[in-house]
Amino acid sequence: QVQLVESGGGLVQAGGSLRLSCAASGDTRCISAMGWYRQAPGKERELVATITGGGSTNYADSVKGRFTISRDNAKNTLYLQMNSLKPEHTAVYYCNAACSLRRGVVQYWGQGTQVTVSS
């Protein structure tokens, strides 16, 4: 079992920045890739960015150049630096961890952290 706890969300004005953190605990040795997803009101959850254990990253086109994903494997913590925020970035942001087990890959999710960008 892996537990994920996000923090760092809040209210920010357009053009501002936030850094989200996700602390992983439990059987973190099984974690391979981690990522951030978001869900805006009335919309489906969507990918924001992912990062492998080796540091390879992948971003949604809508956040390239604005958001940076990183992870500190020693601290079992995932980060998302969000710059030049826009109102359309308002959503609940979820941390995800892919855990590689013998039976397959198990996905774990955090409880989410609200990001609200005012115009």
Protein backbone atom coordinates (compact mmCIF):
# COMPACT_ATOMS: atom_id res chain seq x y z
CA GLN A 1 0.00 0.00 0.00
CA VAL A 2 1.11 3.50 -0.83
CA GLN A 3 -0.32 6.64 0.70
CA LEU A 4 -0.11 9.99 -1.07
CA VAL A 5 -0.73 13.35 0.57
CA GLU A 6 -0.79 16.53 -1.50
CA SER A 7 -0.20 20.04 -0.21
CA GLY A 8 0.48 23.50 -1.54
CA GLY A 9 -2.79 24.35 -3.22
CA GLY A 10 -4.62 27.58 -2.62
CA LEU A 11 -5.89 30.79 -4.11
CA VAL A 12 -3.59 32.80 -6.35
CA GLN A 13 -4.05 35.66 -8.78
CA ALA A 14 -3.54 35.19 -12.48
CA GLY A 15 0.15 35.38 -13.33
CA GLY A 16 1.15 34.03 -9.95
CA SER A 17 2.89 30.81 -8.99
CA LEU A 18 2.28 27.84 -6.75
CA ARG A 19 4.27 24.75 -5.88
CA LEU A 20 2.41 21.57 -5.12
CA SER A 21 3.98 18.77 -3.11
CA CYS A 22 3.00 15.14 -2.77
CA ALA A 23 4.48 13.06 0.02
CA ALA A 24 4.46 9.32 -0.52
CA SER A 25 4.59 6.83 2.33
CA GLY A 26 4.11 3.13 2.83
CA ASP A 27 5.63 0.63 0.41
CA THR A 28 7.25 3.29 -1.77
CA ARG A 29 9.85 0.86 -3.15
CA CYS A 30 7.30 -0.34 -5.70
CA ILE A 31 6.73 3.13 -7.16
CA SER A 32 7.92 3.60 -10.73
CA ALA A 33 6.29 6.59 -12.38
CA MET A 34 4.51 9.41 -10.59
CA GLY A 35 2.38 12.18 -11.94
CA TRP A 36 -0.04 15.02 -11.48
CA TYR A 37 -3.57 15.06 -12.80
CA ARG A 38 -6.30 17.65 -12.46
CA GLN A 39 -10.05 17.83 -12.60
CA ALA A 40 -11.90 21.05 -13.23
CA PRO A 41 -15.60 21.43 -12.37
CA GLY A 42 -17.76 19.58 -14.86
CA LYS A 43 -14.78 18.04 -16.62
CA GLU A 44 -13.01 14.72 -16.56
CA ARG A 45 -9.71 14.18 -14.80
CA GLU A 46 -6.81 14.88 -17.15
CA LEU A 47 -3.08 14.39 -17.22
CA VAL A 48 -0.89 17.34 -16.26
CA ALA A 49 2.58 15.81 -16.09
CA THR A 50 4.38 12.57 -15.31
CA ILE A 51 7.90 11.65 -14.29
CA THR A 52 9.67 8.30 -14.20
CA GLY A 53 12.05 7.10 -11.55
CA GLY A 54 14.89 8.00 -13.86
CA GLY A 55 13.62 11.54 -14.27
CA SER A 56 12.06 11.40 -17.72
CA THR A 57 9.14 13.81 -17.92
CA ASN A 58 6.01 14.17 -19.97
CA TYR A 59 3.67 17.18 -20.02
CA ALA A 60 0.26 18.00 -21.34
CA ASP A 61 0.59 20.47 -24.20
CA SER A 62 -1.44 23.03 -22.26
CA VAL A 63 1.15 23.30 -19.48
CA LYS A 64 4.43 22.98 -21.35
CA GLY A 65 6.70 25.87 -20.52
CA ARG A 66 4.61 26.87 -17.48
CA PHE A 67 4.67 23.84 -15.20
CA THR A 68 7.65 21.76 -14.06
CA ILE A 69 7.38 18.35 -12.46
CA SER A 70 10.17 16.98 -10.29
CA ARG A 71 10.70 14.35 -7.65
CA ASP A 72 13.03 13.82 -4.74
CA ASN A 73 13.39 10.05 -4.51
CA ALA A 74 15.27 10.27 -1.22
CA LYS A 75 12.34 12.13 0.35
CA ASN A 76 9.66 10.21 -1.57
CA THR A 77 8.19 13.53 -2.59
CA LEU A 78 6.78 14.74 -5.89
CA TYR A 79 6.54 18.39 -6.84
CA LEU A 80 4.75 20.51 -9.39
CA GLN A 81 5.98 24.05 -9.90
CA MET A 82 3.28 26.09 -11.59
CA ASN A 83 4.15 29.49 -13.03
CA SER A 84 2.19 32.11 -14.95
CA LEU A 85 -1.06 30.64 -13.75
CA LYS A 86 -4.31 31.35 -15.55
CA PRO A 87 -7.94 31.05 -14.41
CA GLU A 88 -8.31 27.99 -16.65
CA HIS A 89 -5.76 26.21 -14.46
CA THR A 90 -8.32 26.20 -11.65
CA ALA A 91 -8.96 22.59 -10.66
CA VAL A 92 -8.40 19.96 -8.03
CA TYR A 93 -4.91 18.59 -8.57
CA TYR A 94 -4.26 14.94 -7.77
CA CYS A 95 -1.00 13.13 -7.19
CA ASN A 96 -0.65 9.68 -8.75
CA ALA A 97 1.83 6.88 -8.20
CA ALA A 98 2.20 3.78 -10.35
CA CYS A 99 3.27 0.82 -8.25
CA SER A 100 4.81 -2.12 -10.11
CA LEU A 101 3.83 -5.41 -8.51
CA ARG A 102 3.96 -9.03 -9.67
CA ARG A 103 0.24 -8.95 -10.48
CA GLY A 104 0.61 -5.80 -12.51
CA VAL A 105 0.66 -2.06 -12.05
CA VAL A 106 -1.47 -0.59 -9.28
CA GLN A 107 -2.39 3.09 -9.36
CA TYR A 108 -2.57 5.09 -6.17
CA TRP A 109 -4.14 8.52 -5.79
CA GLY A 110 -3.96 11.30 -3.28
CA GLN A 111 -7.02 13.11 -1.95
CA GLY A 112 -6.40 16.15 -4.13
CA THR A 113 -5.55 19.77 -3.46
CA GLN A 114 -7.59 22.70 -4.74
CA VAL A 115 -5.92 25.29 -6.93
CA THR A 116 -7.95 28.40 -7.66
CA VAL A 117 -6.65 31.11 -9.98
CA SER A 118 -8.52 34.40 -9.89
CA SER A 119 -8.60 36.82 -12.80
